[in-house]
N, C-alpha and C. Protein backbone atom coordinates (compact mmCIF):
# COMPACT_ATOMS: atom_id res chain seq x y z
N MET A 1 -98.68 65.16 -13.85
CA MET A 1 -97.70 65.83 -14.79
C MET A 1 -96.68 65.00 -14.64
N VAL A 2 -96.35 64.36 -15.66
CA VAL A 2 -95.25 63.31 -15.64
C VAL A 2 -94.19 63.60 -16.23
N LYS A 3 -92.75 62.95 -15.92
CA LYS A 3 -91.84 62.87 -15.38
C LYS A 3 -91.56 62.81 -17.13
N ALA A 4 -90.29 63.25 -17.36
CA ALA A 4 -89.88 63.02 -19.39
C ALA A 4 -89.03 62.02 -18.90
N PRO A 5 -88.82 60.78 -19.73
CA PRO A 5 -88.05 59.91 -19.80
C PRO A 5 -86.61 60.05 -19.98
N LYS A 6 -85.48 59.57 -19.46
CA LYS A 6 -83.86 59.87 -19.31
C LYS A 6 -82.76 58.89 -20.09
N GLY A 7 -84.03 57.75 -20.91
CA GLY A 7 -83.00 56.84 -21.13
C GLY A 7 -82.12 57.56 -22.59
N PHE A 8 -81.31 56.82 -22.45
CA PHE A 8 -80.03 57.39 -23.99
C PHE A 8 -80.02 57.31 -25.47
N ARG A 9 -81.17 56.44 -25.55
CA ARG A 9 -81.86 56.68 -26.66
C ARG A 9 -83.29 57.95 -26.67
N ARG A 10 -83.04 58.79 -25.92
CA ARG A 10 -84.15 59.87 -25.80
C ARG A 10 -84.64 60.89 -27.37
N HIS A 11 -82.85 61.09 -27.16
CA HIS A 11 -82.83 62.05 -27.82
C HIS A 11 -82.40 61.48 -29.87
N THR A 12 -82.48 60.27 -30.00
CA THR A 12 -82.27 59.92 -31.07
C THR A 12 -83.70 59.60 -32.31
N ARG A 13 -84.48 60.46 -32.49
CA ARG A 13 -85.17 60.86 -33.56
C ARG A 13 -85.22 61.19 -34.52
N LYS A 14 -84.26 61.84 -34.98
CA LYS A 14 -83.37 62.24 -36.14
C LYS A 14 -82.25 61.88 -36.57
N VAL A 15 -81.58 61.23 -35.67
CA VAL A 15 -80.20 61.00 -35.89
C VAL A 15 -80.35 59.82 -36.50
N LEU A 16 -80.99 59.08 -35.89
CA LEU A 16 -81.13 57.16 -35.94
C LEU A 16 -82.70 56.64 -36.74
N ARG A 17 -83.01 57.25 -37.67
CA ARG A 17 -84.51 57.40 -38.45
C ARG A 17 -83.80 57.13 -39.53
N LYS A 18 -84.99 55.60 -39.99
CA LYS A 18 -84.93 55.11 -41.45
C LYS A 18 -85.91 55.80 -42.49
N HIS A 19 -85.29 56.13 -43.43
CA HIS A 19 -86.07 56.98 -44.73
C HIS A 19 -87.37 55.63 -44.44
N VAL A 20 -88.50 56.56 -45.27
CA VAL A 20 -89.78 56.22 -44.87
C VAL A 20 -90.47 54.23 -45.79
N ARG A 21 -89.55 54.30 -46.75
CA ARG A 21 -89.46 53.63 -47.59
C ARG A 21 -88.44 52.42 -47.11
N GLU A 22 -87.37 52.43 -46.22
CA GLU A 22 -86.40 51.37 -45.81
C GLU A 22 -87.31 50.83 -44.49
N LYS A 23 -88.42 51.01 -43.60
CA LYS A 23 -88.71 51.12 -42.72
C LYS A 23 -89.17 49.78 -42.28
N GLY A 24 -87.98 48.93 -41.02
CA GLY A 24 -88.45 47.79 -41.00
C GLY A 24 -88.30 46.44 -42.09
N ALA A 25 -87.31 46.67 -42.95
CA ALA A 25 -86.34 46.64 -43.39
C ALA A 25 -84.96 46.02 -43.08
N ILE A 26 -84.96 44.34 -42.65
CA ILE A 26 -83.64 44.09 -42.71
C ILE A 26 -82.80 44.18 -43.32
N PRO A 27 -81.47 44.61 -43.09
CA PRO A 27 -80.43 44.12 -43.83
C PRO A 27 -79.77 43.03 -45.19
N PRO A 28 -78.70 43.52 -45.79
CA PRO A 28 -78.89 41.87 -46.86
C PRO A 28 -77.90 40.84 -46.03
N LEU A 29 -78.41 39.96 -46.08
CA LEU A 29 -78.17 38.65 -45.64
C LEU A 29 -76.38 38.26 -45.31
N SER A 30 -75.79 39.32 -46.73
CA SER A 30 -74.44 38.88 -46.62
C SER A 30 -73.53 40.03 -45.69
N LEU A 31 -74.29 41.13 -45.31
CA LEU A 31 -74.05 41.59 -44.69
C LEU A 31 -74.10 40.83 -42.77
N LEU A 32 -74.38 40.33 -42.41
CA LEU A 32 -75.20 39.99 -41.38
C LEU A 32 -74.21 39.10 -41.36
N MET A 33 -73.87 37.86 -42.47
CA MET A 33 -73.16 36.90 -42.53
C MET A 33 -71.23 36.81 -42.65
N THR A 34 -71.21 38.21 -43.03
CA THR A 34 -69.78 38.22 -42.76
C THR A 34 -69.16 38.12 -41.51
N GLU A 35 -68.08 37.28 -41.96
CA GLU A 35 -67.43 37.13 -40.43
C GLU A 35 -65.78 37.52 -40.59
N TYR A 36 -65.81 38.66 -39.69
CA TYR A 36 -64.22 39.15 -39.47
C TYR A 36 -63.90 38.87 -38.90
N LYS A 37 -62.40 38.97 -39.33
CA LYS A 37 -61.17 38.37 -38.59
C LYS A 37 -60.35 39.57 -37.62
N LEU A 38 -59.45 39.06 -36.77
CA LEU A 38 -58.82 40.21 -35.98
C LEU A 38 -58.03 41.26 -36.86
N GLY A 39 -58.04 42.52 -36.24
CA GLY A 39 -56.90 43.12 -37.90
C GLY A 39 -58.47 43.69 -38.32
N ASP A 40 -59.08 43.25 -39.09
CA ASP A 40 -60.03 44.17 -39.98
C ASP A 40 -60.61 45.56 -39.47
N LYS A 41 -60.80 46.46 -40.45
CA LYS A 41 -61.10 47.73 -40.09
C LYS A 41 -62.54 47.63 -40.67
N VAL A 42 -63.84 48.21 -39.48
CA VAL A 42 -65.08 48.45 -39.59
C VAL A 42 -65.17 49.98 -39.74
N HIS A 43 -66.56 50.22 -40.45
CA HIS A 43 -67.48 50.85 -39.98
C HIS A 43 -68.62 51.04 -39.54
N ILE A 44 -69.06 51.72 -38.46
CA ILE A 44 -70.03 51.85 -37.51
C ILE A 44 -71.14 52.66 -37.99
N VAL A 45 -72.19 51.64 -38.63
CA VAL A 45 -73.36 52.11 -38.95
C VAL A 45 -74.54 51.80 -38.93
N ILE A 46 -75.30 52.57 -37.57
CA ILE A 46 -76.11 52.15 -36.89
C ILE A 46 -77.72 51.39 -37.87
N ASN A 47 -78.25 50.18 -37.06
CA ASN A 47 -79.61 50.19 -37.96
C ASN A 47 -80.48 50.54 -37.10
N PRO A 48 -81.36 51.13 -36.73
CA PRO A 48 -82.32 51.62 -36.21
C PRO A 48 -83.15 50.47 -35.63
N SER A 49 -83.60 49.52 -37.33
CA SER A 49 -84.49 48.71 -36.74
C SER A 49 -84.16 47.06 -35.72
N ILE A 50 -82.83 47.60 -35.49
CA ILE A 50 -82.48 46.27 -35.08
C ILE A 50 -81.81 46.89 -33.91
N HIS A 51 -82.15 46.60 -31.98
CA HIS A 51 -81.52 47.39 -31.59
C HIS A 51 -80.68 46.37 -30.37
N LYS A 52 -81.02 45.28 -30.83
CA LYS A 52 -79.94 44.29 -30.00
C LYS A 52 -78.77 44.45 -30.81
N GLY A 53 -77.54 44.98 -29.71
CA GLY A 53 -76.05 44.89 -29.93
C GLY A 53 -75.96 46.34 -30.64
N MET A 54 -77.18 47.50 -30.61
CA MET A 54 -76.48 48.58 -30.67
C MET A 54 -76.05 49.13 -30.17
N PRO A 55 -74.67 50.63 -30.42
CA PRO A 55 -74.04 51.35 -30.02
C PRO A 55 -74.73 52.45 -29.39
N HIS A 56 -74.08 53.21 -28.89
CA HIS A 56 -74.48 54.70 -28.88
C HIS A 56 -74.21 55.33 -29.79
N ARG A 57 -75.64 56.32 -30.25
CA ARG A 57 -75.63 57.20 -31.22
C ARG A 57 -74.09 57.93 -31.42
N ARG A 58 -73.61 58.39 -30.24
CA ARG A 58 -72.09 58.69 -30.55
C ARG A 58 -71.06 58.16 -31.50
N TYR A 59 -71.53 56.91 -31.57
CA TYR A 59 -69.98 55.87 -32.52
C TYR A 59 -70.74 55.86 -33.78
N HIS A 60 -72.08 55.88 -34.16
CA HIS A 60 -72.10 55.97 -35.56
C HIS A 60 -71.84 56.67 -36.60
N GLY A 61 -70.77 56.22 -37.28
CA GLY A 61 -70.20 57.13 -38.33
C GLY A 61 -68.48 56.50 -38.12
N LYS A 62 -68.35 56.02 -36.86
CA LYS A 62 -67.05 55.66 -36.73
C LYS A 62 -66.23 54.65 -37.18
N THR A 63 -64.61 54.58 -37.68
CA THR A 63 -64.30 53.49 -37.76
C THR A 63 -63.55 52.59 -36.66
N GLY A 64 -63.71 51.68 -36.69
CA GLY A 64 -62.83 51.17 -35.66
C GLY A 64 -62.11 49.60 -36.28
N GLU A 65 -61.52 48.73 -35.45
CA GLU A 65 -60.57 47.59 -35.54
C GLU A 65 -61.54 46.05 -34.59
N ILE A 66 -61.29 45.97 -35.26
CA ILE A 66 -61.74 43.87 -34.59
C ILE A 66 -60.92 43.46 -33.90
N ILE A 67 -61.11 43.69 -32.03
CA ILE A 67 -60.17 42.86 -31.81
C ILE A 67 -60.36 41.48 -31.36
N GLY A 68 -62.00 41.16 -31.02
CA GLY A 68 -62.19 40.12 -30.77
C GLY A 68 -63.69 39.83 -31.05
N LYS A 69 -63.92 38.98 -30.36
CA LYS A 69 -65.61 38.16 -30.46
C LYS A 69 -66.00 37.69 -29.36
N ARG A 70 -67.14 37.87 -28.73
CA ARG A 70 -67.65 37.54 -27.96
C ARG A 70 -69.28 37.26 -28.04
N GLY A 71 -69.81 36.37 -28.00
CA GLY A 71 -71.39 35.76 -28.45
C GLY A 71 -71.57 35.79 -30.13
N LYS A 72 -72.11 37.07 -30.24
CA LYS A 72 -72.96 36.67 -31.55
C LYS A 72 -71.95 38.59 -31.89
N ALA A 73 -71.59 38.96 -30.75
CA ALA A 73 -70.95 40.23 -31.23
C ALA A 73 -69.85 40.27 -31.28
N TYR A 74 -69.37 41.14 -32.34
CA TYR A 74 -67.53 41.52 -32.17
C TYR A 74 -67.67 42.60 -31.04
N ILE A 75 -65.79 42.73 -30.88
CA ILE A 75 -65.32 43.69 -30.05
C ILE A 75 -64.33 44.80 -30.76
N VAL A 76 -65.14 45.60 -30.53
CA VAL A 76 -64.43 46.92 -31.63
C VAL A 76 -63.57 47.53 -31.06
N LYS A 77 -62.62 47.94 -31.27
CA LYS A 77 -62.02 49.32 -30.46
C LYS A 77 -62.07 50.66 -31.32
N VAL A 78 -62.25 51.40 -30.86
CA VAL A 78 -62.59 52.13 -31.61
C VAL A 78 -61.39 53.79 -30.99
N ARG A 79 -61.29 54.59 -32.02
CA ARG A 79 -59.93 55.46 -30.85
C ARG A 79 -61.10 56.82 -31.30
N ILE A 80 -61.54 57.69 -29.87
CA ILE A 80 -61.86 59.03 -29.90
C ILE A 80 -61.30 60.15 -29.19
N ASN A 81 -60.75 61.06 -29.82
CA ASN A 81 -60.12 61.80 -29.52
C ASN A 81 -58.34 61.55 -29.13
N ASP A 82 -58.87 61.10 -27.74
CA ASP A 82 -57.43 60.92 -27.11
C ASP A 82 -57.41 59.28 -26.60
N LYS A 83 -59.29 58.99 -26.28
CA LYS A 83 -59.25 57.88 -25.77
C LYS A 83 -59.49 56.20 -26.62
N GLU A 84 -59.06 55.87 -26.37
CA GLU A 84 -59.46 53.98 -26.80
C GLU A 84 -60.31 53.84 -26.49
N LYS A 85 -61.70 53.22 -26.96
CA LYS A 85 -63.00 52.05 -26.44
C LYS A 85 -63.17 50.93 -26.70
N GLU A 86 -63.92 49.82 -26.14
CA GLU A 86 -63.99 48.90 -26.47
C GLU A 86 -65.35 48.85 -26.49
N LEU A 87 -66.10 48.81 -27.49
CA LEU A 87 -67.19 48.80 -28.26
C LEU A 87 -67.80 47.28 -28.12
N PHE A 88 -69.34 46.19 -27.70
CA PHE A 88 -69.43 45.25 -28.73
C PHE A 88 -70.94 45.47 -29.11
N ILE A 89 -70.32 44.87 -30.14
CA ILE A 89 -71.39 45.07 -31.49
C ILE A 89 -72.29 44.47 -32.36
N ARG A 90 -73.29 44.08 -32.44
CA ARG A 90 -73.06 43.40 -33.32
C ARG A 90 -73.17 43.04 -34.64
N PRO A 91 -72.79 42.10 -35.43
CA PRO A 91 -72.55 42.65 -37.32
C PRO A 91 -73.49 43.47 -37.79
N GLU A 92 -74.96 43.48 -37.62
CA GLU A 92 -76.32 44.56 -38.39
C GLU A 92 -75.89 45.72 -38.11
N HIS A 93 -74.87 46.17 -37.30
CA HIS A 93 -74.32 47.62 -36.80
C HIS A 93 -73.20 47.89 -37.98
N LEU A 94 -72.52 46.63 -38.48
CA LEU A 94 -70.81 46.82 -38.94
C LEU A 94 -70.98 46.78 -40.14
N ARG A 95 -70.08 47.49 -41.12
CA ARG A 95 -70.10 47.48 -42.44
C ARG A 95 -67.80 47.38 -43.17
N PRO A 96 -67.83 46.60 -43.24
CA PRO A 96 -66.52 46.19 -43.73
C PRO A 96 -66.05 48.00 -44.42
N ALA A 97 -65.05 47.67 -43.95
CA ALA A 97 -64.04 48.93 -44.19
C ALA A 97 -62.76 49.03 -45.47
N VAL A 98 -63.57 50.02 -46.83
CA VAL A 98 -62.71 49.47 -48.29
C VAL A 98 -61.51 49.81 -47.68
N THR A 99 -60.62 49.33 -47.80
CA THR A 99 -59.45 49.89 -48.14
C THR A 99 -58.85 50.11 -49.40
N ARG A 100 -57.91 51.68 -49.46
CA ARG A 100 -57.49 51.69 -50.96
C ARG A 100 -56.05 51.33 -51.08
N SER A 101 -55.94 50.85 -52.26
CA SER A 101 -54.34 50.40 -52.44
C SER A 101 -54.06 50.18 -53.70
């Protein structure tokens, strides 16, 4: 009898799945080349085809603030309930937040 895996991507079959016509496609280069500045607001939108720098699925759809950069990844501060978390996320999983004025 084989024991079931307990990795953190174990239950992501439905949450982090692309549409059949989008499978394997990389995001547009304009999104990868976007340089975020300190204080910029970003949305966390996980791209399941790129595993490097991928945040946990609980942060998918959350909005955070850029507070720094480490290597190719950005340090994003996300507020979850009454806690603030610092996440290291690569730009493939970030989208700039549109501010309404």
